[in-house]
PDB file of all heavy atoms in Angstrom:
ATOM      1  N   ASN A   1       0.859  -1.219   0.044  1.00  0.00           N
ATOM      2  CA  ASN A   1      -0.002  -0.023   0.041  1.00  0.00           C
ATOM      3  C   ASN A   1       0.929   1.219  -0.015  1.00  0.00           C
ATOM      4  O   ASN A   1       1.627   1.489   0.923  1.00  0.00           O
ATOM      5  CB  ASN A   1      -0.880   0.016   1.203  1.00  0.00           C
ATOM      6  CG  ASN A   1      -1.928   1.123   1.171  1.00  0.00           C
ATOM      7  OD1 ASN A   1      -2.244   1.679   0.150  1.00  0.00           O
ATOM      8  ND2 ASN A   1      -2.506   1.460   2.319  1.00  0.00           N
ATOM      9  N   PRO A   2       0.879   2.037  -1.080  1.00  0.00           N
ATOM     10  CA  PRO A   2      -0.032   1.878  -2.261  1.00  0.00           C
ATOM     11  C   PRO A   2       0.460   0.832  -3.177  1.00  0.00           C
ATOM     12  O   PRO A   2       1.597   0.386  -3.148  1.00  0.00           O
ATOM     13  CB  PRO A   2       0.141   3.292  -2.950  1.00  0.00           C
ATOM     14  CG  PRO A   2       1.471   3.693  -2.585  1.00  0.00           C
ATOM     15  CD  PRO A   2       1.719   3.225  -1.164  1.00  0.00           C
ATOM     16  N   ARG A   3      -0.424   0.459  -4.110  1.00  0.00           N
ATOM     17  CA  ARG A   3      -0.073  -0.607  -5.087  1.00  0.00           C
ATOM     18  C   ARG A   3       0.904   0.022  -6.103  1.00  0.00           C
ATOM     19  O   ARG A   3       0.814   1.157  -6.443  1.00  0.00           O
ATOM     20  CB  ARG A   3      -1.299  -1.141  -5.751  1.00  0.00           C
ATOM     21  CG  ARG A   3      -2.268  -1.895  -4.886  1.00  0.00           C
ATOM     22  CD  ARG A   3      -3.479  -2.414  -5.662  1.00  0.00           C
ATOM     23  NE  ARG A   3      -4.320  -3.213  -4.781  1.00  0.00           N
ATOM     24  CZ  ARG A   3      -5.484  -3.779  -5.279  1.00  0.00           C
ATOM     25  NH1 ARG A   3      -5.801  -3.599  -6.504  1.00  0.00           N
ATOM     26  NH2 ARG A   3      -6.258  -4.436  -4.410  1.00  0.00           N
ATOM     27  N   PRO A   4       1.669  -0.864  -6.682  1.00  0.00           N
ATOM     28  CA  PRO A   4       2.621  -0.348  -7.740  1.00  0.00           C
ATOM     29  C   PRO A   4       1.829   0.157  -8.899  1.00  0.00           C
ATOM     30  O   PRO A   4       0.812  -0.372  -9.327  1.00  0.00           O
ATOM     31  CB  PRO A   4       3.405  -1.597  -8.182  1.00  0.00           C
ATOM     32  CG  PRO A   4       3.263  -2.550  -7.020  1.00  0.00           C
ATOM     33  CD  PRO A   4       1.891  -2.230  -6.472  1.00  0.00           C
ATOM     34  N   GLN A   5       2.314   1.314  -9.488  1.00  0.00           N
ATOM     35  CA  GLN A   5       1.562   1.932 -10.620  1.00  0.00           C
ATOM     36  C   GLN A   5       2.087   1.255 -11.901  1.00  0.00           C
ATOM     37  O   GLN A   5       3.013   1.730 -12.599  1.00  0.00           O
ATOM     38  CB  GLN A   5       1.859   3.431 -10.695  1.00  0.00           C
ATOM     39  CG  GLN A   5       1.311   4.147  -9.496  1.00  0.00           C
ATOM     40  CD  GLN A   5      -0.235   4.016  -9.361  1.00  0.00           C
ATOM     41  OE1 GLN A   5      -0.941   4.316 -10.323  1.00  0.00           O
ATOM     42  NE2 GLN A   5      -0.701   3.557  -8.207  1.00  0.00           N
ATOM     43  N   VAL A   6       1.494   0.081 -12.203  1.00  0.00           N
ATOM     44  CA  VAL A   6       1.889  -0.663 -13.406  1.00  0.00           C
ATOM     45  C   VAL A   6       0.711  -1.422 -13.944  1.00  0.00           C
ATOM     46  O   VAL A   6      -0.214  -1.809 -13.160  1.00  0.00           O
ATOM     47  CB  VAL A   6       3.036  -1.698 -13.045  1.00  0.00           C
ATOM     48  CG1 VAL A   6       2.532  -2.696 -11.969  1.00  0.00           C
ATOM     49  CG2 VAL A   6       3.519  -2.465 -14.225  1.00  0.00           C
ATOM     50  N   ASN A   7       0.677  -1.526 -15.254  1.00  0.00           N
ATOM     51  CA  ASN A   7      -0.415  -2.329 -15.899  1.00  0.00           C
ATOM     52  C   ASN A   7      -0.062  -3.771 -15.641  1.00  0.00           C
ATOM     53  O   ASN A   7       0.809  -4.367 -16.316  1.00  0.00           O
ATOM     54  CB  ASN A   7      -0.462  -1.958 -17.408  1.00  0.00           C
ATOM     55  CG  ASN A   7      -1.570  -2.794 -18.140  1.00  0.00           C
ATOM     56  OD1 ASN A   7      -1.837  -3.883 -17.738  1.00  0.00           O
ATOM     57  ND2 ASN A   7      -2.024  -2.186 -19.204  1.00  0.00           N
ATOM     58  N   PHE A   8      -0.855  -4.421 -14.767  1.00  0.00           N
ATOM     59  CA  PHE A   8      -0.471  -5.798 -14.404  1.00  0.00           C
ATOM     60  C   PHE A   8      -0.586  -6.837 -15.534  1.00  0.00           C
ATOM     61  O   PHE A   8       0.239  -7.738 -15.645  1.00  0.00           O
ATOM     62  CB  PHE A   8      -1.305  -6.256 -13.218  1.00  0.00           C
ATOM     63  CG  PHE A   8      -0.913  -7.672 -12.748  1.00  0.00           C
ATOM     64  CD1 PHE A   8       0.214  -7.856 -11.972  1.00  0.00           C
ATOM     65  CD2 PHE A   8      -1.662  -8.798 -13.064  1.00  0.00           C
ATOM     66  CE1 PHE A   8       0.624  -9.095 -11.601  1.00  0.00           C
ATOM     67  CE2 PHE A   8      -1.277 -10.029 -12.661  1.00  0.00           C
ATOM     68  CZ  PHE A   8      -0.114 -10.174 -11.934  1.00  0.00           C
ATOM     69  N   VAL A   9      -1.553  -6.565 -16.404  1.00  0.00           N
ATOM     70  CA  VAL A   9      -1.700  -7.483 -17.601  1.00  0.00           C
ATOM     71  C   VAL A   9      -0.535  -7.464 -18.454  1.00  0.00           C
ATOM     72  O   VAL A   9       0.078  -8.478 -18.851  1.00  0.00           O
ATOM     73  CB  VAL A   9      -2.973  -7.082 -18.424  1.00  0.00           C
ATOM     74  CG1 VAL A   9      -3.119  -7.974 -19.605  1.00  0.00           C
ATOM     75  CG2 VAL A   9      -4.280  -7.279 -17.497  1.00  0.00           C
ATOM     76  N   GLU A  10       0.060  -6.227 -18.687  1.00  0.00           N
ATOM     77  CA  GLU A  10       1.229  -6.119 -19.536  1.00  0.00           C
ATOM     78  C   GLU A  10       2.424  -6.605 -18.754  1.00  0.00           C
ATOM     79  O   GLU A  10       3.291  -7.320 -19.323  1.00  0.00           O
ATOM     80  CB  GLU A  10       1.410  -4.660 -19.916  1.00  0.00           C
ATOM     81  CG  GLU A  10       2.588  -4.499 -20.823  1.00  0.00           C
ATOM     82  CD  GLU A  10       2.675  -3.203 -21.604  1.00  0.00           C
ATOM     83  OE1 GLU A  10       1.909  -2.277 -21.184  1.00  0.00           O
ATOM     84  OE2 GLU A  10       3.465  -3.092 -22.472  1.00  0.00           O
ATOM     85  N   TRP A  11       2.496  -6.307 -17.446  1.00  0.00           N
ATOM     86  CA  TRP A  11       3.630  -6.829 -16.620  1.00  0.00           C
ATOM     87  C   TRP A  11       3.656  -8.399 -16.749  1.00  0.00           C
ATOM     88  O   TRP A  11       4.761  -8.952 -16.957  1.00  0.00           O
ATOM     89  CB  TRP A  11       3.399  -6.387 -15.196  1.00  0.00           C
ATOM     90  CG  TRP A  11       4.264  -7.043 -14.196  1.00  0.00           C
ATOM     91  CD1 TRP A  11       4.052  -8.268 -13.655  1.00  0.00           C
ATOM     92  CD2 TRP A  11       5.559  -6.623 -13.671  1.00  0.00           C
ATOM     93  NE1 TRP A  11       4.994  -8.667 -12.749  1.00  0.00           N
ATOM     94  CE2 TRP A  11       6.016  -7.644 -12.701  1.00  0.00           C
ATOM     95  CE3 TRP A  11       6.350  -5.551 -13.824  1.00  0.00           C
ATOM     96  CZ2 TRP A  11       7.096  -7.539 -11.998  1.00  0.00           C
ATOM     97  CZ3 TRP A  11       7.535  -5.432 -13.088  1.00  0.00           C
ATOM     98  CH2 TRP A  11       7.915  -6.448 -12.194  1.00  0.00           C
ATOM     99  N   ASP A  12       2.528  -8.952 -16.540  1.00  0.00           N
ATOM    100  CA  ASP A  12       2.496 -10.437 -16.515  1.00  0.00           C
ATOM    101  C   ASP A  12       2.813 -10.974 -17.977  1.00  0.00           C
ATOM    102  O   ASP A  12       3.387 -12.040 -18.115  1.00  0.00           O
ATOM    103  CB  ASP A  12       1.093 -10.936 -16.160  1.00  0.00           C
ATOM    104  CG  ASP A  12       0.981 -12.441 -16.002  1.00  0.00           C
ATOM    105  OD1 ASP A  12       1.865 -12.996 -15.351  1.00  0.00           O
ATOM    106  OD2 ASP A  12       0.079 -13.000 -16.642  1.00  0.00           O
ATOM    107  N   GLY A  13       2.468 -10.252 -19.032  1.00  0.00           N
ATOM    108  CA  GLY A  13       2.816 -10.681 -20.368  1.00  0.00           C
ATOM    109  C   GLY A  13       4.321 -10.796 -20.531  1.00  0.00           C
ATOM    110  O   GLY A  13       4.829 -11.727 -21.136  1.00  0.00           O
ATOM    111  N   LEU A  14       5.041  -9.732 -20.025  1.00  0.00           N
ATOM    112  CA  LEU A  14       6.478  -9.746 -20.094  1.00  0.00           C
ATOM    113  C   LEU A  14       7.070 -10.922 -19.226  1.00  0.00           C
ATOM    114  O   LEU A  14       7.928 -11.665 -19.687  1.00  0.00           O
ATOM    115  CB  LEU A  14       7.100  -8.423 -19.563  1.00  0.00           C
ATOM    116  CG  LEU A  14       8.589  -8.295 -19.350  1.00  0.00           C
ATOM    117  CD1 LEU A  14       9.307  -8.555 -20.690  1.00  0.00           C
ATOM    118  CD2 LEU A  14       8.989  -7.006 -18.770  1.00  0.00           C
ATOM    119  N   VAL A  15       6.628 -11.044 -18.004  1.00  0.00           N
ATOM    120  CA  VAL A  15       7.139 -12.036 -17.085  1.00  0.00           C
ATOM    121  C   VAL A  15       6.873 -13.435 -17.623  1.00  0.00           C
ATOM    122  O   VAL A  15       7.744 -14.369 -17.571  1.00  0.00           O
ATOM    123  CB  VAL A  15       6.544 -11.840 -15.668  1.00  0.00           C
ATOM    124  CG1 VAL A  15       6.991 -12.947 -14.729  1.00  0.00           C
ATOM    125  CG2 VAL A  15       7.013 -10.475 -15.081  1.00  0.00           C
ATOM    126  N   ARG A  16       5.668 -13.676 -18.110  1.00  0.00           N
ATOM    127  CA  ARG A  16       5.261 -14.918 -18.631  1.00  0.00           C
ATOM    128  C   ARG A  16       6.302 -15.338 -19.810  1.00  0.00           C
ATOM    129  O   ARG A  16       6.769 -16.473 -19.887  1.00  0.00           O
ATOM    130  CB  ARG A  16       3.903 -14.956 -19.205  1.00  0.00           C
ATOM    131  CG  ARG A  16       3.403 -16.261 -19.736  1.00  0.00           C
ATOM    132  CD  ARG A  16       2.108 -16.031 -20.557  1.00  0.00           C
ATOM    133  NE  ARG A  16       1.064 -15.482 -19.773  1.00  0.00           N
ATOM    134  CZ  ARG A  16       0.124 -16.303 -19.114  1.00  0.00           C
ATOM    135  NH1 ARG A  16       0.198 -17.591 -19.215  1.00  0.00           N
ATOM    136  NH2 ARG A  16      -0.830 -15.757 -18.387  1.00  0.00           N
ATOM    137  N   LEU A  17       6.510 -14.364 -20.640  1.00  0.00           N
ATOM    138  CA  LEU A  17       7.497 -14.621 -21.801  1.00  0.00           C
ATOM    139  C   LEU A  17       8.883 -14.942 -21.308  1.00  0.00           C
ATOM    140  O   LEU A  17       9.517 -15.884 -21.727  1.00  0.00           O
ATOM    141  CB  LEU A  17       7.563 -13.344 -22.721  1.00  0.00           C
ATOM    142  CG  LEU A  17       8.454 -13.413 -23.872  1.00  0.00           C
ATOM    143  CD1 LEU A  17       8.015 -14.540 -24.823  1.00  0.00           C
ATOM    144  CD2 LEU A  17       8.438 -12.120 -24.632  1.00  0.00           C
ATOM    145  N   CYS A  18       9.326 -14.136 -20.274  1.00  0.00           N
ATOM    146  CA  CYS A  18      10.716 -14.382 -19.775  1.00  0.00           C
ATOM    147  C   CYS A  18      10.895 -15.679 -19.117  1.00  0.00           C
ATOM    148  O   CYS A  18      11.938 -16.329 -19.180  1.00  0.00           O
ATOM    149  CB  CYS A  18      11.072 -13.222 -18.860  1.00  0.00           C
ATOM    150  SG  CYS A  18      11.341 -11.646 -19.588  1.00  0.00           S
ATOM    151  N   PHE A  19       9.840 -16.160 -18.298  1.00  0.00           N
ATOM    152  CA  PHE A  19       9.976 -17.374 -17.521  1.00  0.00           C
ATOM    153  C   PHE A  19       9.573 -18.634 -18.316  1.00  0.00           C
ATOM    154  O   PHE A  19       9.638 -19.721 -17.846  1.00  0.00           O
ATOM    155  CB  PHE A  19       9.132 -17.279 -16.217  1.00  0.00           C
ATOM    156  CG  PHE A  19       9.894 -16.584 -15.109  1.00  0.00           C
ATOM    157  CD1 PHE A  19       9.807 -15.218 -14.961  1.00  0.00           C
ATOM    158  CD2 PHE A  19      10.752 -17.306 -14.320  1.00  0.00           C
ATOM    159  CE1 PHE A  19      10.472 -14.542 -14.008  1.00  0.00           C
ATOM    160  CE2 PHE A  19      11.483 -16.698 -13.330  1.00  0.00           C
ATOM    161  CZ  PHE A  19      11.340 -15.339 -13.140  1.00  0.00           C
ATOM    162  N   GLY A  20       9.175 -18.381 -19.662  1.00  0.00           N
ATOM    163  CA  GLY A  20       8.975 -19.577 -20.499  1.00  0.00           C
ATOM    164  C   GLY A  20      10.250 -20.316 -20.633  1.00  0.00           C
ATOM    165  O   GLY A  20      10.288 -21.550 -20.767  1.00  0.00           O
ATOM    166  N   ARG A  21      11.372 -19.610 -20.595  1.00  0.00           N
ATOM    167  CA  ARG A  21      12.719 -20.272 -20.566  1.00  0.00           C
ATOM    168  C   ARG A  21      13.645 -19.499 -19.705  1.00  0.00           C
ATOM    169  O   ARG A  21      14.525 -18.817 -20.077  1.00  0.00           O
ATOM    170  CB  ARG A  21      13.313 -20.284 -22.031  1.00  0.00           C
ATOM    171  CG  ARG A  21      12.482 -21.104 -23.024  1.00  0.00           C
ATOM    172  CD  ARG A  21      13.205 -21.257 -24.339  1.00  0.00           C
ATOM    173  NE  ARG A  21      13.490 -19.942 -25.024  1.00  0.00           N
ATOM    174  CZ  ARG A  21      14.301 -19.761 -25.976  1.00  0.00           C
ATOM    175  NH1 ARG A  21      14.970 -20.774 -26.480  1.00  0.00           N
ATOM    176  NH2 ARG A  21      14.421 -18.549 -26.590  1.00  0.00           N
ATOM    177  N   LYS A  22      13.402 -19.636 -18.385  1.00  0.00           N
ATOM    178  CA  LYS A  22      13.936 -18.745 -17.435  1.00  0.00           C
ATOM    179  C   LYS A  22      15.524 -18.789 -17.305  1.00  0.00           C
ATOM    180  O   LYS A  22      16.109 -17.871 -16.769  1.00  0.00           O
ATOM    181  CB  LYS A  22      13.322 -18.941 -16.071  1.00  0.00           C
ATOM    182  CG  LYS A  22      13.680 -20.215 -15.320  1.00  0.00           C
ATOM    183  CD  LYS A  22      13.133 -20.284 -13.899  1.00  0.00           C
ATOM    184  CE  LYS A  22      13.611 -21.517 -13.139  1.00  0.00           C
ATOM    185  NZ  LYS A  22      13.064 -21.515 -11.710  1.00  0.00           N
ATOM    186  N   ASN A  23      16.104 -19.908 -17.702  1.00  0.00           N
ATOM    187  CA  ASN A  23      17.513 -20.052 -17.621  1.00  0.00           C
ATOM    188  C   ASN A  23      18.235 -19.718 -18.899  1.00  0.00           C
ATOM    189  O   ASN A  23      19.489 -19.764 -18.954  1.00  0.00           O
ATOM    190  CB  ASN A  23      17.905 -21.541 -17.175  1.00  0.00           C
ATOM    191  CG  ASN A  23      17.508 -21.790 -15.774  1.00  0.00           C
ATOM    192  OD1 ASN A  23      17.723 -20.951 -14.901  1.00  0.00           O
ATOM    193  ND2 ASN A  23      16.912 -22.906 -15.530  1.00  0.00           N
ATOM    194  N   LYS A  24      17.526 -19.257 -19.947  1.00  0.00           N
ATOM    195  CA  LYS A  24      18.134 -18.706 -21.106  1.00  0.00           C
ATOM    196  C   LYS A  24      18.449 -17.255 -20.947  1.00  0.00           C
ATOM    197  O   LYS A  24      17.811 -16.562 -20.138  1.00  0.00           O
ATOM    198  CB  LYS A  24      17.211 -18.937 -22.317  1.00  0.00           C
ATOM    199  CG  LYS A  24      16.920 -20.369 -22.718  1.00  0.00           C
ATOM    200  CD  LYS A  24      18.102 -21.059 -23.353  1.00  0.00           C
ATOM    201  CE  LYS A  24      17.799 -22.430 -23.885  1.00  0.00           C
ATOM    202  NZ  LYS A  24      18.956 -23.057 -24.501  1.00  0.00           N
ATOM    203  N   THR A  25      19.327 -16.691 -21.699  1.00  0.00           N
ATOM    204  CA  THR A  25      19.554 -15.252 -21.665  1.00  0.00           C
ATOM    205  C   THR A  25      18.404 -14.532 -22.301  1.00  0.00           C
ATOM    206  O   THR A  25      17.741 -15.044 -23.136  1.00  0.00           O
ATOM    207  CB  THR A  25      20.915 -14.888 -22.355  1.00  0.00           C
ATOM    208  OG1 THR A  25      20.735 -15.131 -23.750  1.00  0.00           O
ATOM    209  CG2 THR A  25      22.078 -15.669 -21.816  1.00  0.00           C
ATOM    210  N   LEU A  26      18.242 -13.288 -21.888  1.00  0.00           N
ATOM    211  CA  LEU A  26      17.139 -12.489 -22.497  1.00  0.00           C
ATOM    212  C   LEU A  26      17.352 -12.316 -23.966  1.00  0.00           C
ATOM    213  O   LEU A  26      16.494 -12.270 -24.775  1.00  0.00           O
ATOM    214  CB  LEU A  26      17.014 -11.149 -21.762  1.00  0.00           C
ATOM    215  CG  LEU A  26      16.563 -11.181 -20.327  1.00  0.00           C
ATOM    216  CD1 LEU A  26      16.288  -9.760 -19.762  1.00  0.00           C
ATOM    217  CD2 LEU A  26      15.318 -12.060 -20.097  1.00  0.00           C
ATOM    218  N   ASN A  27      18.649 -12.227 -24.378  1.00  0.00           N
ATOM    219  CA  ASN A  27      18.974 -11.979 -25.740  1.00  0.00           C
ATOM    220  C   ASN A  27      18.479 -13.294 -26.526  1.00  0.00           C
ATOM    221  O   ASN A  27      17.939 -13.068 -27.610  1.00  0.00           O
ATOM    222  CB  ASN A  27      20.536 -11.843 -25.908  1.00  0.00           C
ATOM    223  CG  ASN A  27      20.831 -11.447 -27.310  1.00  0.00           C
ATOM    224  OD1 ASN A  27      20.373 -10.417 -27.780  1.00  0.00           O
ATOM    225  ND2 ASN A  27      21.729 -12.190 -27.966  1.00  0.00           N
ATOM    226  N   ALA A  28      18.664 -14.434 -25.997  1.00  0.00           N
ATOM    227  CA  ALA A  28      18.167 -15.661 -26.654  1.00  0.00           C
ATOM    228  C   ALA A  28      16.672 -15.755 -26.663  1.00  0.00           C
ATOM    229  O   ALA A  28      16.048 -16.151 -27.712  1.00  0.00           O
ATOM    230  CB  ALA A  28      18.745 -16.888 -25.996  1.00  0.00           C
ATOM    231  N   ILE A  29      16.014 -15.352 -25.577  1.00  0.00           N
ATOM    232  CA  ILE A  29      14.540 -15.388 -25.505  1.00  0.00           C
ATOM    233  C   ILE A  29      13.925 -14.447 -26.580  1.00  0.00           C
ATOM    234  O   ILE A  29      12.927 -14.805 -27.251  1.00  0.00           O
ATOM    235  CB  ILE A  29      14.077 -14.991 -24.105  1.00  0.00           C
ATOM    236  CG1 ILE A  29      14.502 -16.127 -23.122  1.00  0.00           C
ATOM    237  CG2 ILE A  29      12.560 -14.825 -24.096  1.00  0.00           C
ATOM    238  CD1 ILE A  29      14.200 -15.777 -21.623  1.00  0.00           C
ATOM    239  N   PHE A  30      14.421 -13.190 -26.621  1.00  0.00           N
ATOM    240  CA  PHE A  30      13.767 -12.248 -27.414  1.00  0.00           C
ATOM    241  C   PHE A  30      14.206 -12.262 -28.880  1.00  0.00           C
ATOM    242  O   PHE A  30      13.826 -11.443 -29.720  1.00  0.00           O
ATOM    243  CB  PHE A  30      13.988 -10.870 -26.847  1.00  0.00           C
ATOM    244  CG  PHE A  30      13.142 -10.508 -25.687  1.00  0.00           C
ATOM    245  CD1 PHE A  30      13.643 -10.784 -24.377  1.00  0.00           C
ATOM    246  CD2 PHE A  30      11.801 -10.047 -25.826  1.00  0.00           C
ATOM    247  CE1 PHE A  30      12.802 -10.536 -23.257  1.00  0.00           C
ATOM    248  CE2 PHE A  30      11.073  -9.852 -24.717  1.00  0.00           C
ATOM    249  CZ  PHE A  30      11.513 -10.049 -23.428  1.00  0.00           C
ATOM    250  N   ASN A  31      15.061 -13.134 -29.297  1.00  0.00           N
ATOM    251  CA  ASN A  31      15.581 -13.230 -30.635  1.00  0.00           C
ATOM    252  C   ASN A  31      15.062 -14.432 -31.420  1.00  0.00           C
ATOM    253  O   ASN A  31      15.453 -14.769 -32.496  1.00  0.00           O
ATOM    254  CB  ASN A  31      17.081 -13.201 -30.696  1.00  0.00           C
ATOM    255  CG  ASN A  31      17.647 -11.834 -30.860  1.00  0.00           C
ATOM    256  OD1 ASN A  31      17.466 -11.178 -31.817  1.00  0.00           O
ATOM    257  ND2 ASN A  31      18.282 -11.368 -29.791  1.00  0.00           N
ATOM    258  N   THR A  32      14.044 -15.156 -30.816  1.00  0.00           N
ATOM    259  CA  THR A  32      13.413 -16.183 -31.541  1.00  0.00           C
ATOM    260  C   THR A  32      12.408 -15.646 -32.594  1.00  0.00           C
ATOM    261  O   THR A  32      11.876 -14.501 -32.309  1.00  0.00           O
ATOM    262  CB  THR A  32      12.611 -17.145 -30.566  1.00  0.00           C
ATOM    263  OG1 THR A  32      11.628 -16.453 -29.952  1.00  0.00           O
ATOM    264  CG2 THR A  32      13.581 -17.725 -29.512  1.00  0.00           C
ATOM    265  N   LYS A  33      12.148 -16.316 -33.618  1.00  0.00           N
ATOM    266  CA  LYS A  33      11.288 -15.832 -34.672  1.00  0.00           C
ATOM    267  C   LYS A  33       9.898 -15.541 -34.096  1.00  0.00           C
ATOM    268  O   LYS A  33       9.165 -14.563 -34.511  1.00  0.00           O
ATOM    269  CB  LYS A  33      11.218 -16.814 -35.802  1.00  0.00           C
ATOM    270  CG  LYS A  33      12.548 -16.914 -36.588  1.00  0.00           C
ATOM    271  CD  LYS A  33      12.314 -17.904 -37.822  1.00  0.00           C
ATOM    272  CE  LYS A  33      13.655 -17.971 -38.629  1.00  0.00           C
ATOM    273  NZ  LYS A  33      13.497 -18.912 -39.738  1.00  0.00           N
ATOM    274  N   LEU A  34       9.410 -16.505 -33.281  1.00  0.00           N
ATOM    275  CA  LEU A  34       8.029 -16.354 -32.767  1.00  0.00           C
ATOM    276  C   LEU A  34       7.934 -15.127 -31.918  1.00  0.00           C
ATOM    277  O   LEU A  34       6.907 -14.385 -31.999  1.00  0.00           O
ATOM    278  CB  LEU A  34       7.696 -17.595 -31.939  1.00  0.00           C
ATOM    279  CG  LEU A  34       6.271 -17.719 -31.426  1.00  0.00           C
ATOM    280  CD1 LEU A  34       5.260 -17.788 -32.575  1.00  0.00           C
ATOM    281  CD2 LEU A  34       6.105 -18.932 -30.508  1.00  0.00           C
TER     282      LEU A  34
END
């Protein structure tokens, strides 16, 4: 309290993507074609 000023849906979209392969580097995660 107060709650963080962040769009939680978008936050979760980023976190979900990152933890799909949590032990890969971010460079590897964000450079896939998909």
